[in-house]
Amino acid sequence: MGAHNGGGDWHKDVTPAPHGNNSDDGRWRNQRRRKLHKALKRQRVYQIKRSIYALKQGDLSIASYFAALKTKWEELDYHVNDDWHCGSDHALYWDKEWMDKTFIFLEGLRDEFEPIRSQILNCDEILGIEEVYARVESKEQRRQVIHIDSSQRSVLSGVVLLLVGGVLMCLSLVRVVMDTWLAYAPVKNNPEDAAKVPKGNPHHSATTGEMAIYRANSLILRKAGAHIEDPKLEVYNGQEVEVWPRVAWKPKWAITFADVKRKVRSCRISQRSTFVLKGPNIFIEDLFLDGALIVNSVEDAEGICRQPVCRQES
């Protein structure tokens, strides 16, 4: 078969029909169909690859840009289904494909992501495309914190003069003041002393500190799209506290809000529930929890919490 340049002249690869018996005609038709199929397949692969190389982030968010690339990569994988007879060659090929995806993703980013792009390319560790995406999206999330609406955050800036090696440098400082529920939970008092604090004043004990963790995790899940019931006022260790669903997870499950949002697809948790996540690759999808659920997975395992209703009466 001759070389194909991706244009509309694929019919030139098809040889004319031979004159002969029916079996010869049948073999020719089968050969013609195979050549037509291969030619059309080559043309489609060419078009997909061309669109992948042309795709840039532009005004898209990191998540939307990566999703667009993934859609095209999946379509390309569907059309490229080569048979491999040597396992090592197959592994080397996919390693190369994995690196190509990383380079394409990084190259299409806006210029503002040049620092994180250089950091990833200079990293000694070989990162998979999902890890590269997670790092870049985390960077985008941190950048957005600095540009929050001033009505919701108080941003204080100043200028510091610093003498470095005889050179006077001017540094601009930015301090972001976050909401209390996310950043502040003192635990300076023991439970006995905290119980003596007059009603209406903060207790600042280990009891309120633990409840603050549940509150923060519940609100993070809410912001990620989960439906979390409102808390109830209850008394623990002589202290009146807001009791949210007892939600906790290990850092391996999620470090940034981007991690939480990526792993929580649909979830409803009642106020009385306890939900614990231990493992890096646990995804929550279509879960209604009204009770206690502890999910513990090993490092390489991947699991999806996809239980329509998980209810315990006591």
Protein backbone atom coordinates (compact mmCIF):
# COMPACT_ATOMS: atom_id res chain seq x y z
CA MET A 1 0.00 0.00 0.00
CA GLY A 2 1.33 3.43 -0.85
CA ALA A 3 1.94 6.21 1.63
CA HIS A 4 -1.03 8.35 2.61
CA ASN A 5 -0.83 12.07 3.27
CA GLY A 6 -4.14 12.47 5.11
CA GLY A 7 -6.00 14.04 2.16
CA GLY A 8 -8.86 12.74 0.04
CA ASP A 9 -6.87 10.53 -2.42
CA TRP A 10 -7.09 7.29 -0.41
CA HIS A 11 -8.84 5.54 -3.35
CA LYS A 12 -5.50 5.47 -5.22
CA ASP A 13 -4.32 2.73 -2.84
CA VAL A 14 -7.06 0.37 -4.01
CA THR A 15 -6.09 -1.92 -6.90
CA PRO A 16 -8.53 -2.48 -9.81
CA ALA A 17 -10.81 -5.51 -9.69
CA PRO A 18 -9.36 -8.66 -11.32
CA HIS A 19 -11.25 -10.59 -13.97
CA GLY A 20 -11.78 -14.17 -12.88
CA ASN A 21 -14.05 -16.57 -11.02
CA ASN A 22 -16.30 -15.78 -8.07
CA SER A 23 -13.70 -16.74 -5.45
CA ASP A 24 -11.21 -14.28 -6.98
CA ASP A 25 -13.89 -11.59 -6.99
CA GLY A 26 -14.67 -12.31 -3.32
CA ARG A 27 -11.03 -12.08 -2.31
CA TRP A 28 -10.65 -8.82 -4.21
CA ARG A 29 -13.73 -7.32 -2.50
CA ASN A 30 -12.42 -8.31 0.91
CA GLN A 31 -9.01 -6.85 0.08
CA ARG A 32 -10.63 -3.67 -1.17
CA ARG A 33 -12.73 -3.32 2.01
CA ARG A 34 -9.65 -3.80 4.21
CA LYS A 35 -7.69 -1.19 2.29
CA LEU A 36 -10.57 1.25 2.40
CA HIS A 37 -10.94 0.69 6.15
CA LYS A 38 -7.22 1.23 6.78
CA ALA A 39 -7.17 4.35 4.63
CA LEU A 40 -10.17 5.86 6.40
CA LYS A 41 -8.69 4.92 9.76
CA ARG A 42 -5.40 6.64 8.91
CA GLN A 43 -7.28 9.73 7.83
CA ARG A 44 -9.26 9.83 11.11
CA VAL A 45 -6.13 9.31 13.23
CA TYR A 46 -4.45 12.15 11.35
CA GLN A 47 -7.39 14.46 12.03
CA ILE A 48 -7.52 13.59 15.74
CA LYS A 49 -3.77 14.09 16.24
CA ARG A 50 -3.90 17.38 14.39
CA SER A 51 -6.69 18.62 16.68
CA ILE A 52 -4.76 17.45 19.77
CA TYR A 53 -1.61 19.37 18.77
CA ALA A 54 -3.71 22.47 18.02
CA LEU A 55 -5.59 22.43 21.34
CA LYS A 56 -4.49 25.14 23.82
CA GLN A 57 -5.82 26.19 27.21
CA GLY A 58 -6.79 29.70 26.18
CA ASP A 59 -9.62 30.93 28.42
CA LEU A 60 -10.42 27.44 29.72
CA SER A 61 -9.84 26.37 33.30
CA ILE A 62 -7.25 23.66 33.91
CA ALA A 63 -10.01 21.11 34.53
CA SER A 64 -11.86 21.96 31.29
CA TYR A 65 -8.65 22.01 29.26
CA PHE A 66 -7.54 18.62 30.61
CA ALA A 67 -11.01 17.13 30.05
CA ALA A 68 -10.95 18.26 26.40
CA LEU A 69 -7.54 16.62 25.92
CA LYS A 70 -8.67 13.39 27.60
CA THR A 71 -11.68 13.16 25.31
CA LYS A 72 -9.44 13.38 22.24
CA TRP A 73 -6.89 10.93 23.68
CA GLU A 74 -9.64 8.39 24.37
CA GLU A 75 -10.93 8.76 20.80
CA LEU A 76 -7.39 8.29 19.49
CA ASP A 77 -6.89 5.16 21.62
CA TYR A 78 -10.10 3.75 20.13
CA HIS A 79 -8.75 4.07 16.59
CA VAL A 80 -5.19 2.95 17.41
CA ASN A 81 -5.51 -0.70 18.45
CA ASP A 82 -2.24 -2.23 17.25
CA ASP A 83 -1.47 -5.89 17.98
CA TRP A 84 1.73 -6.44 19.96
CA HIS A 85 3.78 -9.63 20.02
CA CYS A 86 6.48 -8.40 22.41
CA GLY A 87 5.47 -7.20 25.86
CA SER A 88 8.56 -5.05 26.39
CA ASP A 89 8.01 -3.19 23.10
CA HIS A 90 4.41 -2.57 24.08
CA ALA A 91 5.48 -1.18 27.47
CA LEU A 92 8.07 1.11 25.89
CA TYR A 93 5.50 2.37 23.40
CA TRP A 94 3.00 3.27 26.12
CA ASP A 95 5.74 4.91 28.21
CA LYS A 96 6.48 7.13 25.21
CA GLU A 97 2.78 7.83 24.69
CA TRP A 98 2.46 8.76 28.38
CA MET A 99 5.32 11.24 28.11
CA ASP A 100 3.89 12.69 24.88
CA LYS A 101 0.60 13.37 26.67
CA THR A 102 2.45 15.13 29.48
CA PHE A 103 4.39 17.32 27.04
CA ILE A 104 1.26 18.19 25.03
CA PHE A 105 -0.65 19.13 28.21
CA LEU A 106 2.17 21.31 29.55
CA GLU A 107 2.88 22.96 26.19
CA GLY A 108 -0.74 24.08 25.83
CA LEU A 109 -0.89 25.86 29.20
CA ARG A 110 -1.06 29.63 29.44
CA ASP A 111 2.19 31.52 30.07
CA GLU A 112 1.23 32.21 33.68
CA PHE A 113 1.87 28.52 34.45
CA GLU A 114 5.48 28.65 33.24
CA PRO A 115 6.94 28.26 36.80
CA ILE A 116 5.02 25.05 37.56
CA ARG A 117 5.69 23.79 34.01
CA SER A 118 9.46 24.24 34.47
CA GLN A 119 9.27 22.67 37.92
CA ILE A 120 7.59 19.53 36.54
CA LEU A 121 9.97 19.22 33.58
CA ASN A 122 13.01 19.57 35.87
CA CYS A 123 11.68 17.08 38.41
CA ASP A 124 13.84 13.96 38.92
CA GLU A 125 10.72 11.86 39.40
CA ILE A 126 8.81 10.74 36.29
CA LEU A 127 5.22 11.85 36.87
CA GLY A 128 2.16 10.35 35.23
CA ILE A 129 -0.24 12.62 33.38
CA GLU A 130 -2.85 12.47 36.19
CA GLU A 131 -0.26 13.58 38.77
CA VAL A 132 0.92 16.38 36.46
CA TYR A 133 -2.68 17.54 36.02
CA ALA A 134 -3.29 17.45 39.80
CA ARG A 135 -0.22 19.61 40.48
CA VAL A 136 -1.12 22.20 37.86
CA GLU A 137 -4.76 22.39 38.98
CA SER A 138 -3.61 22.77 42.59
CA LYS A 139 -1.46 25.69 41.47
CA GLU A 140 -4.48 27.23 39.74
CA GLN A 141 -6.56 26.86 42.92
CA ARG A 142 -3.88 28.63 44.99
CA ARG A 143 -3.71 31.47 42.46
CA GLN A 144 -7.46 31.94 42.65
CA VAL A 145 -7.31 32.38 46.42
CA ILE A 146 -5.28 35.58 45.94
CA HIS A 147 -7.90 37.01 43.56
CA ILE A 148 -10.97 36.43 45.68
CA ASP A 149 -13.71 39.03 45.92
CA SER A 150 -12.72 41.63 48.50
CA SER A 151 -16.15 41.41 50.12
CA GLN A 152 -15.42 37.83 51.21
CA ARG A 153 -11.75 38.11 52.11
CA SER A 154 -9.55 40.77 53.65
CA VAL A 155 -6.29 41.05 51.71
CA LEU A 156 -3.55 43.15 53.26
CA SER A 157 -0.50 44.13 51.26
CA GLY A 158 2.71 45.95 52.16
CA VAL A 159 6.22 46.66 51.01
CA VAL A 160 9.43 45.54 52.71
CA LEU A 161 12.93 46.79 51.93
CA LEU A 162 15.52 44.03 52.26
CA LEU A 163 19.29 44.37 51.99
CA VAL A 164 20.73 41.31 50.20
CA GLY A 165 24.44 41.22 49.38
CA GLY A 166 24.66 45.00 49.43
CA VAL A 167 21.68 45.36 47.09
CA LEU A 168 18.50 46.99 48.36
CA MET A 169 15.51 44.94 47.20
CA CYS A 170 11.84 45.90 47.37
CA LEU A 171 9.51 42.99 48.21
CA SER A 172 5.74 43.10 48.01
CA LEU A 173 3.99 41.07 50.70
CA VAL A 174 0.46 39.70 50.49
CA ARG A 175 -1.45 38.22 53.43
CA VAL A 176 -4.76 36.44 52.93
CA VAL A 177 -7.15 36.28 55.88
CA MET A 178 -9.32 33.18 55.56
CA ASP A 179 -12.69 32.29 57.06
CA THR A 180 -12.48 31.13 60.68
CA TRP A 181 -13.99 27.70 60.01
CA LEU A 182 -11.13 26.83 57.65
CA ALA A 183 -8.12 28.21 59.49
CA TYR A 184 -8.73 28.75 63.21
CA ALA A 185 -9.57 26.29 66.02
CA PRO A 186 -7.60 26.84 69.27
CA VAL A 187 -7.59 24.02 71.85
CA LYS A 188 -5.86 25.74 74.78
CA ASN A 189 -8.31 24.72 77.56
CA ASN A 190 -8.82 21.29 79.09
CA PRO A 191 -12.43 19.99 79.04
CA GLU A 192 -13.01 20.63 82.77
CA ASP A 193 -12.01 24.31 82.56
CA ALA A 194 -13.81 24.76 79.25
CA ALA A 195 -17.06 23.49 80.79
CA LYS A 196 -16.90 26.40 83.30
CA VAL A 197 -16.79 29.06 80.55
CA PRO A 198 -20.01 31.15 80.60
CA LYS A 199 -22.51 30.28 77.88
CA GLY A 200 -22.01 32.27 74.71
CA ASN A 201 -18.23 32.52 75.08
CA PRO A 202 -15.83 30.29 73.12
CA HIS A 203 -14.68 27.14 74.95
CA HIS A 204 -11.42 26.67 73.04
CA SER A 205 -10.90 23.05 74.11
CA ALA A 206 -10.04 19.74 72.53
CA THR A 207 -13.77 19.02 72.32
CA THR A 208 -14.51 22.14 70.25
CA GLY A 209 -11.32 21.53 68.23
CA GLU A 210 -12.52 18.09 67.19
CA MET A 211 -15.94 19.46 66.24
CA ALA A 212 -14.22 22.20 64.24
CA ILE A 213 -12.48 19.53 62.14
CA TYR A 214 -15.80 17.84 61.36
CA ARG A 215 -17.33 21.20 60.51
CA ALA A 216 -14.47 22.15 58.17
CA ASN A 217 -14.54 18.78 56.38
CA SER A 218 -18.33 18.92 56.01
CA LEU A 219 -18.19 22.44 54.54
CA ILE A 220 -15.40 21.41 52.16
CA LEU A 221 -17.59 18.54 50.90
CA ARG A 222 -20.48 20.98 50.53
CA LYS A 223 -18.38 23.30 48.40
CA ALA A 224 -17.39 20.27 46.29
CA GLY A 225 -21.07 19.62 45.53
CA ALA A 226 -22.09 17.15 48.25
CA HIS A 227 -25.35 17.57 50.19
CA ILE A 228 -24.45 17.75 53.89
CA GLU A 229 -27.18 18.14 56.51
CA ASP A 230 -26.98 21.08 58.91
CA PRO A 231 -25.51 20.53 62.38
CA LYS A 232 -27.32 20.16 65.71
CA LEU A 233 -26.48 21.74 69.07
CA GLU A 234 -25.47 19.07 71.58
CA VAL A 235 -23.55 18.94 74.85
CA TYR A 236 -20.23 17.10 75.06
CA ASN A 237 -17.93 17.27 78.11
CA GLY A 238 -20.16 19.94 79.56
CA GLN A 239 -19.80 22.16 76.46
CA GLU A 240 -22.54 23.10 74.02
CA VAL A 241 -21.14 22.56 70.53
CA GLU A 242 -22.32 22.34 66.92
CA VAL A 243 -22.23 18.70 65.86
CA TRP A 244 -21.77 18.20 62.12
CA PRO A 245 -21.51 14.81 60.40
CA ARG A 246 -18.30 13.17 61.65
CA VAL A 247 -16.37 13.37 58.38
CA ALA A 248 -12.62 12.68 58.37
CA TRP A 249 -10.05 11.63 55.82
CA LYS A 250 -6.34 10.93 55.65
CA PRO A 251 -4.12 13.38 53.74
CA LYS A 252 -3.46 10.63 51.18
CA TRP A 253 -7.11 10.83 50.13
CA ALA A 254 -7.08 14.59 49.53
CA ILE A 255 -4.64 17.39 50.25
CA THR A 256 -6.18 20.18 48.19
CA PHE A 257 -9.74 21.20 47.41
CA ALA A 258 -9.10 20.17 43.80
CA ASP A 259 -8.49 16.59 45.05
CA VAL A 260 -11.79 16.59 46.95
CA LYS A 261 -13.76 18.01 44.02
CA ARG A 262 -12.27 15.44 41.64
CA LYS A 263 -13.20 12.50 43.89
CA VAL A 264 -16.68 13.57 45.04
CA ARG A 265 -19.25 13.22 42.27
CA SER A 266 -22.54 12.80 44.10
CA CYS A 267 -23.02 12.43 47.84
CA ARG A 268 -25.62 12.97 50.59
CA ILE A 269 -24.68 12.61 54.26
CA SER A 270 -27.05 12.93 57.22
CA GLN A 271 -26.17 14.86 60.37
CA ARG A 272 -25.84 11.75 62.54
CA SER A 273 -23.46 9.98 60.15
CA THR A 274 -19.78 9.09 60.50
CA PHE A 275 -17.73 8.89 57.29
CA VAL A 276 -14.01 8.02 57.30
CA LEU A 277 -11.81 7.76 54.18
CA LYS A 278 -8.41 6.02 54.29
CA GLY A 279 -6.74 5.53 50.92
CA PRO A 280 -5.55 7.58 47.93
CA ASN A 281 -7.93 6.34 45.22
CA ILE A 282 -11.42 6.33 46.74
CA PHE A 283 -14.15 8.00 44.70
CA ILE A 284 -17.64 8.89 45.97
CA GLU A 285 -20.50 8.52 43.56
CA ASP A 286 -24.28 8.37 44.21
CA LEU A 287 -23.84 7.73 47.94
CA PHE A 288 -26.57 8.39 50.51
CA LEU A 289 -25.08 7.82 53.95
CA ASP A 290 -27.23 7.69 57.06
CA GLY A 291 -25.06 5.84 59.56
CA ALA A 292 -21.39 4.94 59.80
CA LEU A 293 -19.09 4.07 56.90
CA ILE A 294 -15.31 3.57 57.05
CA VAL A 295 -13.55 3.00 53.72
CA ASN A 296 -9.98 1.70 54.03
CA SER A 297 -8.00 0.79 50.90
CA VAL A 298 -4.41 -0.20 50.16
CA GLU A 299 -2.09 2.05 48.14
CA ASP A 300 -2.67 0.63 44.65
CA ALA A 301 -6.38 -0.10 44.99
CA GLU A 302 -9.10 2.05 43.45
CA GLY A 303 -12.64 2.00 44.77
CA ILE A 304 -15.94 3.78 44.16
CA CYS A 305 -18.50 4.33 46.95
CA ARG A 306 -21.58 3.81 44.82
CA GLN A 307 -24.23 2.71 47.31
CA PRO A 308 -27.63 4.34 46.73
CA VAL A 309 -28.57 4.10 50.43
CA CYS A 310 -26.44 3.17 53.41
CA ARG A 311 -28.65 3.47 56.50
CA GLN A 312 -28.22 2.14 60.03
CA GLU A 313 -31.03 2.38 62.56
CA SER A 314 -28.71 2.52 65.56
